[in-house]
């Protein structure tokens, strides 16, 4: 091996402090010194040369903190604030008692001869409490955001870190960002800060459940905040105060409702662009009849659970139509009233002014006349008419032609070839009636239902009296009743 190579290796070993280190400096030669506690560093070396503790401050100044001699195992400190000793051969410990912000903040080096090792020391006052924790959910992006206020914190290097940890609901289990300083203040001659830790844009889960996230602050003491939120899917929608039919010109206010969900779903109507559960249509026109409005919810990053409302519009009557309808209704009422009055007057006149209906006796006679007119018709069809000889006998008895006209109904019928048959007897008439009863013809049934079993003789007598009385009334009373002859 050449001499130059050997010299190069020796130089590298001396400059890098082969076998020399600061044991309690932490990872990457960095350590935080809590100003509320005593702080110490330990340097181990492999050379017998004197050892020096040196501080390189952030402002660029350099201070020798202590010098130690290995043969004597003794150290001299630059001030009472530092205490350097040999705890054992080749091992020296430096202790800082107070005023750490000015005494130890910076890069502390351990020099032995021409070799050195260092440790970057950050003096801190760790955050111990937080306040005003808040959570914000972005429904459109379906992400979660949160913020926490951090109270009274200090770091000599001015770096404050927020560490968020999520519990098994996002691919990124941790998110780290810098704290935002909101306020600087001085307390007992020392500077402190208030800040805010926040995160955003973390995707939320869509499955029902309770999810947690935690906050740690650097510098800080452990977990300072632990928050949770709930996910609950929405149910089916319903429509409230949505009229089935609306008159043209009126307003519609239809509300789309969903069961409670967490976070609450965004509700919108199509057509439409705003997220609003209320569908408000002003001054509805006939052109909107049959329009479908769909209520949809936005939840979990997508539209879902839709329901449709169909608007039915009926025309509104114009003032002319309303007046015409009013006139028609009024006219109909007037016609009905007039007709009712006319009917009432006619009925009243019949009952009060007509002598037939005014006299109960005459009224019964008139009613009976209808019955016996049917009887006369039946008798003409079934009883033979009297002969001319019978009419002559009545004339000889003192009757004139006008009176004999009433008796022709009872005379037998004559023919040229046969002799005049005798006047039918009562038994023959009853036989004719009996024959009619057996035939079951319509006139006979009317006759039987009307006069029953009344004898034919009494019927003839009553009929003759009725005809004579009518004749007498017609001639002014010049003829006597036939029944008196």
Protein backbone atom coordinates (compact mmCIF):
# COMPACT_ATOMS: atom_id res chain seq x y z
CA UNK A 1 0.00 0.00 0.00
CA UNK A 2 1.42 3.39 -0.96
CA UNK A 3 2.25 6.06 1.57
CA UNK A 4 -0.23 8.51 0.06
CA UNK A 5 -3.07 6.11 0.52
CA UNK A 6 -2.18 5.53 4.13
CA UNK A 7 -2.08 9.24 4.84
CA UNK A 8 -5.47 9.69 3.18
CA UNK A 9 -7.07 7.03 5.34
CA UNK A 10 -5.61 8.50 8.51
CA UNK A 11 -6.92 11.93 7.61
CA UNK A 12 -10.41 10.58 6.98
CA UNK A 13 -10.41 8.78 10.32
CA UNK A 14 -9.33 11.86 12.21
CA UNK A 15 -11.83 14.15 10.50
CA UNK A 16 -14.81 11.86 10.92
CA UNK A 17 -14.01 11.05 14.59
CA UNK A 18 -13.55 7.33 14.20
CA UNK A 19 -14.95 5.68 17.33
CA UNK A 20 -16.30 9.02 18.56
CA UNK A 21 -20.04 9.80 19.06
CA UNK A 22 -22.64 11.62 21.14
CA UNK A 23 -24.74 8.74 22.44
CA UNK A 24 -28.02 10.41 23.47
CA UNK A 25 -28.52 12.71 20.49
CA UNK A 26 -31.37 10.83 18.88
CA UNK A 27 -31.97 9.93 15.28
CA UNK A 28 -30.19 11.86 12.60
CA UNK A 29 -28.17 13.67 15.29
CA UNK A 30 -31.18 15.70 16.42
CA UNK A 31 -32.70 16.08 19.88
CA UNK A 32 -35.24 18.30 21.62
CA UNK A 33 -34.33 19.88 24.92
CA UNK A 34 -37.36 20.67 27.09
CA UNK A 35 -36.57 23.97 28.71
CA UNK A 36 -38.43 22.97 31.80
CA UNK A 37 -35.93 20.20 32.55
CA UNK A 38 -32.15 19.73 32.86
CA UNK A 39 -30.49 18.56 29.64
CA UNK A 40 -27.30 16.53 29.10
CA UNK A 41 -25.19 15.05 26.29
CA UNK A 42 -22.52 12.31 26.49
CA UNK A 43 -19.49 12.11 24.17
CA UNK A 44 -17.42 8.96 23.77
CA UNK A 45 -14.00 9.19 22.05
CA UNK A 46 -10.90 7.05 21.36
CA UNK A 47 -8.05 9.52 21.65
CA UNK A 48 -6.10 10.77 24.61
CA UNK A 49 -6.18 14.35 23.41
CA UNK A 50 -8.11 17.03 25.37
CA UNK A 51 -11.93 17.21 24.75
CA UNK A 52 -13.90 20.38 24.10
CA UNK A 53 -17.67 21.05 24.15
CA UNK A 54 -18.51 23.80 21.65
CA UNK A 55 -21.86 25.47 20.82
CA UNK A 56 -22.56 26.86 17.35
CA UNK A 57 -25.55 29.16 17.81
CA UNK A 58 -28.16 29.77 15.07
CA UNK A 59 -26.94 33.35 14.75
CA UNK A 60 -23.46 32.09 13.73
CA UNK A 61 -21.64 32.73 17.00
CA UNK A 62 -19.46 30.02 18.59
CA UNK A 63 -19.08 29.45 22.35
CA UNK A 64 -16.81 26.97 24.13
CA UNK A 65 -18.89 25.43 26.87
CA UNK A 66 -16.25 23.27 28.63
CA UNK A 67 -12.73 21.76 28.23
CA UNK A 68 -11.77 18.35 29.62
CA UNK A 69 -8.29 16.75 30.15
CA UNK A 70 -8.15 12.98 29.86
CA UNK A 71 -5.05 12.33 32.00
CA UNK A 72 -6.54 14.38 34.88
CA UNK A 73 -10.17 13.35 34.18
CA UNK A 74 -11.16 16.93 34.95
CA UNK A 75 -13.26 19.52 33.03
CA UNK A 76 -13.49 23.28 33.24
CA UNK A 77 -16.85 24.91 32.30
CA UNK A 78 -17.19 28.41 30.88
CA UNK A 79 -20.08 29.27 33.23
CA UNK A 80 -21.99 27.88 36.14
CA UNK A 81 -24.81 27.03 33.78
CA UNK A 82 -22.71 24.17 32.32
CA UNK A 83 -21.30 21.16 34.06
CA UNK A 84 -18.91 18.86 32.14
CA UNK A 85 -17.31 15.78 33.74
CA UNK A 86 -15.62 12.52 32.85
CA UNK A 87 -17.86 9.75 33.98
CA UNK A 88 -15.31 7.18 32.91
CA UNK A 89 -12.19 7.03 30.76
CA UNK A 90 -12.90 8.41 27.27
CA UNK A 91 -16.51 9.31 28.24
CA UNK A 92 -17.50 12.90 29.02
CA UNK A 93 -20.97 14.22 29.93
CA UNK A 94 -22.16 17.83 29.53
CA UNK A 95 -25.13 18.98 31.63
CA UNK A 96 -27.07 22.23 31.12
CA UNK A 97 -29.06 23.35 34.18
CA UNK A 98 -31.17 26.31 32.97
CA UNK A 99 -31.67 29.01 30.36
CA UNK A 100 -31.65 26.40 27.68
CA UNK A 101 -32.90 28.77 24.97
CA UNK A 102 -29.65 30.72 25.07
CA UNK A 103 -27.38 28.08 26.57
CA UNK A 104 -27.77 25.05 24.37
CA UNK A 105 -29.96 25.80 21.35
CA UNK A 106 -27.91 25.16 18.21
CA UNK A 107 -25.30 22.63 17.14
CA UNK A 108 -23.26 21.19 20.02
CA UNK A 109 -19.92 19.61 18.97
CA UNK A 110 -17.55 17.31 20.82
CA UNK A 111 -13.93 17.97 19.66
CA UNK A 112 -11.09 15.57 20.38
CA UNK A 113 -7.84 16.69 18.77
CA UNK A 114 -8.67 17.23 15.12
CA UNK A 115 -11.85 15.03 15.08
CA UNK A 116 -15.37 16.03 16.04
CA UNK A 117 -18.93 14.77 16.33
CA UNK A 118 -22.03 16.94 16.76
CA UNK A 119 -25.70 17.01 17.83
CA UNK A 120 -28.34 19.53 16.76
CA UNK A 121 -30.22 20.62 19.86
CA UNK A 122 -33.64 22.28 19.62
CA UNK A 123 -34.95 23.91 22.77
CA UNK A 124 -38.69 23.54 23.05
CA UNK A 125 -41.68 24.27 25.23
CA UNK A 126 -44.06 21.45 24.18
CA UNK A 127 -47.75 22.05 23.70
CA UNK A 128 -49.83 20.57 26.46
CA UNK A 129 -53.40 21.39 25.48
CA UNK A 130 -55.60 22.22 22.53
CA UNK A 131 -59.04 23.83 22.10
CA UNK A 132 -61.75 24.60 19.59
CA UNK A 133 -61.68 21.34 17.74
CA UNK A 134 -63.88 21.37 14.66
CA UNK A 135 -64.76 19.05 11.82
CA UNK A 136 -65.88 19.96 8.32
CA UNK A 137 -67.18 17.54 5.71
CA UNK A 138 -67.03 18.35 2.03
CA UNK A 139 -70.12 16.67 0.64
CA UNK A 140 -69.30 17.33 -2.99
CA UNK A 141 -65.84 15.76 -2.80
CA UNK A 142 -66.82 13.41 0.04
CA UNK A 143 -63.77 14.37 2.08
CA UNK A 144 -63.16 15.27 5.70
CA UNK A 145 -61.41 18.33 7.11
CA UNK A 146 -60.61 19.16 10.73
CA UNK A 147 -58.85 21.83 12.73
CA UNK A 148 -57.60 22.19 16.33
CA UNK A 149 -56.24 25.22 18.16
CA UNK A 150 -52.88 24.64 19.87
CA UNK A 151 -52.11 26.77 22.92
CA UNK A 152 -48.70 27.96 24.21
CA UNK A 153 -45.94 26.32 22.23
CA UNK A 154 -42.28 27.17 21.49
CA UNK A 155 -39.46 25.74 19.37
CA UNK A 156 -36.05 27.36 19.03
CA UNK A 157 -35.86 26.45 15.34
CA UNK A 158 -39.36 27.84 14.62
CA UNK A 159 -40.70 24.55 13.25
CA UNK A 160 -44.07 23.23 14.49
CA UNK A 161 -45.45 19.99 13.11
CA UNK A 162 -48.98 18.56 13.21
CA UNK A 163 -49.37 14.81 12.95
CA UNK A 164 -52.80 13.34 12.16
CA UNK A 165 -53.52 9.63 12.54
CA UNK A 166 -56.62 7.97 11.05
CA UNK A 167 -58.09 4.69 12.29
CA UNK A 168 -58.37 2.21 9.43
CA UNK A 169 -60.65 4.19 7.14
CA UNK A 170 -58.25 5.77 4.71
CA UNK A 171 -55.33 4.49 2.74
CA UNK A 172 -53.10 7.21 4.19
CA UNK A 173 -52.96 6.33 7.90
CA UNK A 174 -51.04 9.50 8.81
CA UNK A 175 -50.85 13.03 7.55
CA UNK A 176 -48.16 15.50 8.63
CA UNK A 177 -48.16 19.22 8.03
CA UNK A 178 -46.86 22.38 9.57
CA UNK A 179 -48.81 24.26 12.17
CA UNK A 180 -50.00 27.73 11.35
CA UNK A 181 -48.92 30.37 13.91
CA UNK A 182 -51.84 32.57 14.83
CA UNK A 183 -50.40 34.56 17.72
CA UNK A 184 -47.04 35.41 19.42
CA UNK A 185 -46.98 36.44 23.05
CA UNK A 186 -44.50 36.82 25.91
CA UNK A 187 -44.84 35.24 29.32
CA UNK A 188 -42.29 35.59 32.13
CA UNK A 189 -39.84 37.08 29.68
CA UNK A 190 -40.12 34.18 27.26
CA UNK A 191 -41.69 34.03 23.84
CA UNK A 192 -44.55 31.64 23.10
CA UNK A 193 -46.94 30.98 20.23
CA UNK A 194 -50.55 29.96 19.65
CA UNK A 195 -51.28 28.10 16.47
CA UNK A 196 -53.71 25.89 14.59
CA UNK A 197 -53.37 22.39 13.29
CA UNK A 198 -55.60 21.39 10.42
CA UNK A 199 -55.96 18.84 7.69
CA UNK A 200 -58.24 18.56 4.68
CA UNK A 201 -59.11 16.44 1.70
CA UNK A 202 -59.06 13.09 3.52
CA UNK A 203 -61.53 10.70 1.82
CA UNK A 204 -64.41 9.61 4.06
CA UNK A 205 -65.79 6.08 4.28
CA UNK A 206 -69.33 5.27 3.07
CA UNK A 207 -70.09 2.27 5.29
CA UNK A 208 -72.10 2.80 8.45
CA UNK A 209 -69.94 3.13 11.55
CA UNK A 210 -68.01 5.41 13.91
CA UNK A 211 -64.54 6.54 12.79
CA UNK A 212 -61.74 8.20 14.78
CA UNK A 213 -58.75 10.42 14.11
CA UNK A 214 -56.06 11.71 16.46
CA UNK A 215 -53.74 14.74 16.62
CA UNK A 216 -50.20 14.94 17.93
CA UNK A 217 -48.13 18.11 17.81
CA UNK A 218 -44.37 18.46 17.62
CA UNK A 219 -43.25 19.79 20.00
CA UNK A 220 -46.02 18.42 22.20
CA UNK A 221 -46.84 15.89 24.85
CA UNK A 222 -48.50 12.83 23.38
CA UNK A 223 -51.97 12.76 21.76
CA UNK A 224 -53.54 16.15 22.23
CA UNK A 225 -56.86 15.54 20.43
CA UNK A 226 -58.98 12.57 19.55
CA UNK A 227 -62.13 13.12 17.54
CA UNK A 228 -64.74 10.86 15.97
CA UNK A 229 -67.52 11.10 13.42
CA UNK A 230 -70.39 8.87 12.42
CA UNK A 231 -71.40 7.59 9.00
CA UNK A 232 -75.07 6.62 8.48
CA UNK A 233 -76.59 6.18 5.05
CA UNK A 234 -79.85 7.96 4.20
CA UNK A 235 -83.16 6.18 3.63
CA UNK A 236 -85.83 6.54 0.94
CA UNK A 237 -87.22 10.02 0.18
CA UNK A 238 -90.80 11.24 0.73
CA UNK A 239 -92.76 14.20 -0.65
CA UNK A 240 -94.49 16.67 1.65
CA UNK A 241 -97.15 19.29 0.77
CA UNK A 242 -97.03 18.45 -2.94
CA UNK A 243 -100.50 19.07 -4.49
CA UNK A 244 -101.80 16.50 -6.95
CA UNK A 245 -103.52 19.20 -9.04
CA UNK A 246 -102.87 22.95 -9.05
CA UNK A 247 -104.92 25.72 -10.66
CA UNK A 248 -103.12 27.83 -13.21
CA UNK A 249 -101.67 30.97 -11.69
CA UNK A 250 -101.16 29.50 -8.21
CA UNK A 251 -97.85 28.60 -6.53
CA UNK A 252 -96.40 25.19 -5.66
CA UNK A 253 -94.20 24.56 -2.62
CA UNK A 254 -93.21 20.88 -2.54
CA UNK A 255 -90.69 19.57 -0.02
CA UNK A 256 -88.52 16.49 -0.52
CA UNK A 257 -87.58 14.82 2.75
CA UNK A 258 -85.10 12.10 3.65
CA UNK A 259 -84.60 10.17 6.84
CA UNK A 260 -81.74 11.34 9.03
CA UNK A 261 -78.31 10.55 7.68
CA UNK A 262 -74.78 11.37 8.76
CA UNK A 263 -73.51 13.49 7.26
CA UNK A 264 -76.85 14.94 6.01
CA UNK A 265 -77.47 14.31 2.33
CA UNK A 266 -77.61 17.17 -0.14
CA UNK A 267 -81.06 17.34 -1.77
CA UNK A 268 -81.71 18.81 -5.19
CA UNK A 269 -84.53 18.97 -7.76
CA UNK A 270 -84.15 18.33 -11.47
CA UNK A 271 -84.72 20.43 -13.48
CA UNK A 272 -82.86 22.82 -11.25
CA UNK A 273 -79.33 23.50 -10.09
CA UNK A 274 -79.51 24.52 -6.44
CA UNK A 275 -79.24 22.10 -3.55
CA UNK A 276 -82.54 22.78 -1.89
CA UNK A 277 -85.15 20.38 -0.53
CA UNK A 278 -87.95 22.86 -1.39
CA UNK A 279 -89.34 22.91 -4.92
CA UNK A 280 -90.94 26.34 -5.34
CA UNK A 281 -92.89 27.12 -8.52
CA UNK A 282 -94.46 30.57 -8.76
CA UNK A 283 -97.38 31.50 -11.01
CA UNK A 284 -97.76 28.05 -12.56
CA UNK A 285 -98.82 28.11 -16.24
CA UNK A 286 -100.64 25.56 -18.38
CA UNK A 287 -97.44 25.01 -20.37
CA UNK A 288 -96.00 23.33 -17.27
CA UNK A 289 -98.75 20.74 -17.10
CA UNK A 290 -97.35 17.22 -17.02
CA UNK A 291 -93.81 18.32 -16.13
CA UNK A 292 -91.86 15.81 -14.05
CA UNK A 293 -89.64 17.09 -11.25
CA UNK A 294 -87.16 14.58 -9.80
CA UNK A 295 -85.87 14.89 -6.26
CA UNK A 296 -82.46 13.33 -5.81
CA UNK A 297 -79.95 13.19 -2.96
CA UNK A 298 -76.20 13.56 -3.22
CA UNK A 299 -74.43 11.41 -0.67
CA UNK A 300 -71.28 9.34 -0.65
CA UNK A 301 -69.98 11.17 -3.71
CA UNK A 302 -72.90 10.22 -5.98
CA UNK A 303 -76.60 10.88 -6.70
CA UNK A 304 -78.99 8.24 -5.40
CA UNK A 305 -82.50 7.49 -4.03
CA UNK A 306 -84.67 9.48 -6.43
CA UNK A 307 -88.41 10.27 -6.35
CA UNK A 308 -90.50 12.04 -9.01
CA UNK A 309 -93.30 14.58 -8.64
CA UNK A 310 -95.57 15.19 -11.65
CA UNK A 311 -97.18 18.62 -11.89
CA UNK A 312 -100.82 18.63 -13.06
CA UNK A 313 -102.23 22.04 -13.95
CA UNK A 314 -105.91 22.76 -14.63
CA UNK A 315 -107.00 25.96 -16.41
CA UNK A 316 -108.28 28.86 -14.42
CA UNK A 317 -111.67 30.36 -15.36
CA UNK A 318 -111.47 33.82 -16.89
CA UNK A 319 -113.67 36.64 -15.54
CA UNK A 320 -115.95 36.20 -18.58
CA UNK A 321 -116.30 32.47 -17.95
CA UNK A 322 -117.01 33.10 -14.31
CA UNK A 323 -119.68 35.69 -15.14
CA UNK A 324 -121.26 33.36 -17.73
CA UNK A 325 -121.30 30.52 -15.26
CA UNK A 326 -122.79 32.78 -12.61
CA UNK A 327 -125.47 33.93 -15.08
CA UNK A 328 -126.27 30.33 -16.04
CA UNK A 329 -126.58 29.28 -12.44
CA UNK A 330 -128.71 32.32 -11.60
CA UNK A 331 -130.94 31.75 -14.65
CA UNK A 332 -131.40 28.11 -13.78
CA UNK A 333 -132.36 28.97 -10.24
CA UNK A 334 -134.86 31.58 -11.45
CA UNK A 335 -136.44 29.16 -13.93
CA UNK A 336 -136.72 26.51 -11.27
CA UNK A 337 -138.31 28.90 -8.80
CA UNK A 338 -140.79 30.22 -11.41
CA UNK A 339 -141.73 26.67 -12.48
CA UNK A 340 -142.25 25.68 -8.87
CA UNK A 341 -144.46 28.73 -8.28
CA UNK A 342 -146.54 27.99 -11.40
CA UNK A 343 -147.07 24.40 -10.34
CA UNK A 344 -148.01 25.52 -6.85
CA UNK A 345 -150.51 28.09 -8.21
CA UNK A 346 -152.13 25.56 -10.55
CA UNK A 347 -152.48 22.99 -7.80
CA UNK A 348 -153.90 25.60 -5.47
CA UNK A 349 -156.40 26.77 -8.11
CA UNK A 350 -157.54 23.23 -8.78
CA UNK A 351 -158.11 22.59 -5.13
CA UNK A 352 -159.74 25.92 -4.28
CA UNK A 353 -161.41 27.31 -7.44
CA UNK A 354 -162.63 24.23 -9.34
CA UNK A 355 -166.12 23.38 -7.93
CA UNK A 356 -165.63 19.71 -8.53
CA UNK A 357 -162.55 19.53 -6.34
CA UNK A 358 -163.87 22.15 -3.96
CA UNK A 359 -166.86 19.91 -3.01
CA UNK A 360 -165.77 16.53 -1.62
CA UNK A 361 -169.12 14.95 -2.61
CA UNK A 362 -168.84 16.10 -6.22
CA UNK A 363 -165.21 15.10 -6.30
CA UNK A 364 -166.12 11.52 -5.37
CA UNK A 365 -168.87 11.49 -8.00
CA UNK A 366 -166.47 12.62 -10.69
CA UNK A 367 -164.01 9.99 -9.66
CA UNK A 368 -166.76 7.36 -9.80
CA UNK A 369 -167.87 8.58 -13.27
CA UNK A 370 -164.53 7.37 -14.68
CA UNK A 371 -165.25 3.94 -13.31
CA UNK A 372 -168.76 3.76 -14.71
CA UNK A 373 -167.76 5.09 -18.10
CA UNK A 374 -165.66 1.94 -18.37
CA UNK A 375 -168.68 -0.02 -17.19
CA UNK A 376 -170.87 1.46 -19.93
CA UNK A 377 -168.32 0.53 -22.55
CA UNK A 378 -168.16 -2.99 -21.22
CA UNK A 379 -171.98 -3.26 -21.10
CA UNK A 380 -172.36 -2.09 -24.73
CA UNK A 381 -169.96 -4.78 -25.87
CA UNK A 382 -171.54 -7.66 -23.95
CA UNK A 383 -175.25 -6.89 -23.40
CA UNK A 384 -177.60 -6.94 -26.48
CA UNK A 385 -179.22 -3.63 -27.35
CA UNK A 386 -183.03 -3.26 -26.89
CA UNK A 387 -185.33 -3.63 -29.92
CA UNK A 388 -187.45 -0.99 -31.63
CA UNK A 389 -190.56 -2.45 -29.96
CA UNK A 390 -189.06 -1.71 -26.60
CA UNK A 391 -188.40 1.87 -27.62
CA UNK A 392 -192.04 2.18 -28.74
CA UNK A 393 -193.24 0.90 -25.43
CA UNK A 394 -191.22 3.56 -23.66
CA UNK A 395 -192.68 6.28 -25.94
CA UNK A 396 -196.20 5.09 -25.21
CA UNK A 397 -195.46 5.26 -21.55
CA UNK A 398 -194.92 9.00 -21.87
CA UNK A 399 -191.25 9.50 -22.69
CA UNK A 400 -190.08 11.75 -25.47
CA UNK A 401 -187.26 11.06 -27.86
CA UNK A 402 -184.61 12.73 -25.81
CA UNK A 403 -185.45 10.66 -22.76
CA UNK A 404 -185.59 7.46 -24.80
CA UNK A 405 -182.03 8.02 -25.95
CA UNK A 406 -180.84 7.16 -22.47
CA UNK A 407 -182.78 3.91 -22.49
CA UNK A 408 -181.52 2.58 -25.79
CA UNK A 409 -178.59 1.04 -23.95
CA UNK A 410 -180.99 -1.38 -22.27
CA UNK A 411 -183.07 -2.33 -25.35
CA UNK A 412 -182.43 -5.65 -27.15
CA UNK A 413 -180.93 -5.67 -30.61
CA UNK A 414 -183.31 -6.34 -33.56
CA UNK A 415 -182.66 -8.13 -36.81
CA UNK A 416 -184.70 -8.46 -40.02
CA UNK A 417 -184.83 -12.28 -40.02
CA UNK A 418 -185.58 -13.00 -36.37
CA UNK A 419 -188.03 -11.74 -33.84
CA UNK A 420 -186.93 -9.22 -31.26
CA UNK A 421 -185.43 -11.03 -28.32
CA UNK A 422 -186.68 -10.17 -24.89
CA UNK A 423 -184.89 -7.75 -22.68
CA UNK A 424 -182.10 -9.62 -20.92
CA UNK A 425 -183.00 -10.61 -17.45
CA UNK A 426 -180.90 -10.07 -14.36
CA UNK A 427 -179.82 -13.72 -14.42
CA UNK A 428 -178.58 -13.35 -18.01
CA UNK A 429 -176.59 -10.24 -17.14
CA UNK A 430 -175.03 -12.00 -14.19
CA UNK A 431 -174.23 -14.91 -16.52
CA UNK A 432 -172.49 -12.49 -18.89
CA UNK A 433 -170.48 -11.05 -16.01
CA UNK A 434 -169.56 -14.56 -14.84
CA UNK A 435 -168.49 -15.46 -18.39
CA UNK A 436 -166.28 -12.34 -18.50
CA UNK A 437 -164.68 -13.32 -15.22
CA UNK A 438 -163.67 -16.70 -16.63
CA UNK A 439 -162.25 -15.19 -19.83
CA UNK A 440 -159.70 -13.17 -17.81
CA UNK A 441 -159.68 -10.35 -20.39
CA UNK A 442 -158.29 -7.00 -19.42
CA UNK A 443 -161.63 -5.06 -19.36
CA UNK A 444 -163.25 -7.80 -17.29
CA UNK A 445 -160.41 -7.73 -14.77
CA UNK A 446 -160.76 -3.95 -14.55
CA UNK A 447 -164.47 -4.34 -14.07
CA UNK A 448 -164.11 -6.98 -11.36
CA UNK A 449 -161.43 -4.97 -9.54
CA UNK A 450 -163.50 -1.81 -9.78
CA UNK A 451 -167.05 -2.83 -8.85
CA UNK A 452 -166.38 -6.22 -7.24
CA UNK A 453 -169.45 -8.32 -6.68
CA UNK A 454 -171.99 -5.48 -6.92
CA UNK A 455 -175.26 -6.67 -8.40
CA UNK A 456 -176.11 -5.75 -11.96
CA UNK A 457 -179.46 -4.28 -10.95
CA UNK A 458 -177.90 -1.83 -8.55
CA UNK A 459 -175.37 -0.86 -11.20
CA UNK A 460 -178.09 -0.16 -13.79
CA UNK A 461 -180.06 1.93 -11.33
CA UNK A 462 -177.08 4.03 -10.35
CA UNK A 463 -176.02 4.53 -13.94
CA UNK A 464 -179.53 5.63 -14.99
CA UNK A 465 -179.67 8.13 -12.11
CA UNK A 466 -176.30 9.54 -13.08
CA UNK A 467 -177.28 10.07 -16.75
CA UNK A 468 -180.55 11.71 -15.81
CA UNK A 469 -178.88 14.04 -13.37
CA UNK A 470 -176.31 15.15 -15.94
CA UNK A 471 -179.07 15.72 -18.49
CA UNK A 472 -181.03 17.75 -16.00
CA UNK A 473 -178.08 19.94 -15.25
CA UNK A 474 -177.46 20.46 -18.95
CA UNK A 475 -181.13 21.49 -19.75
CA UNK A 476 -181.57 23.67 -16.74
CA UNK A 477 -183.66 21.21 -14.77
CA UNK A 478 -186.58 20.62 -17.27
CA UNK A 479 -186.34 16.84 -17.07
CA UNK A 480 -187.04 14.70 -14.10
CA UNK A 481 -184.84 11.97 -12.80
CA UNK A 482 -185.33 8.75 -14.67
CA UNK A 483 -185.33 6.82 -11.48
CA UNK A 484 -188.54 8.62 -10.46
CA UNK A 485 -190.48 7.31 -13.49
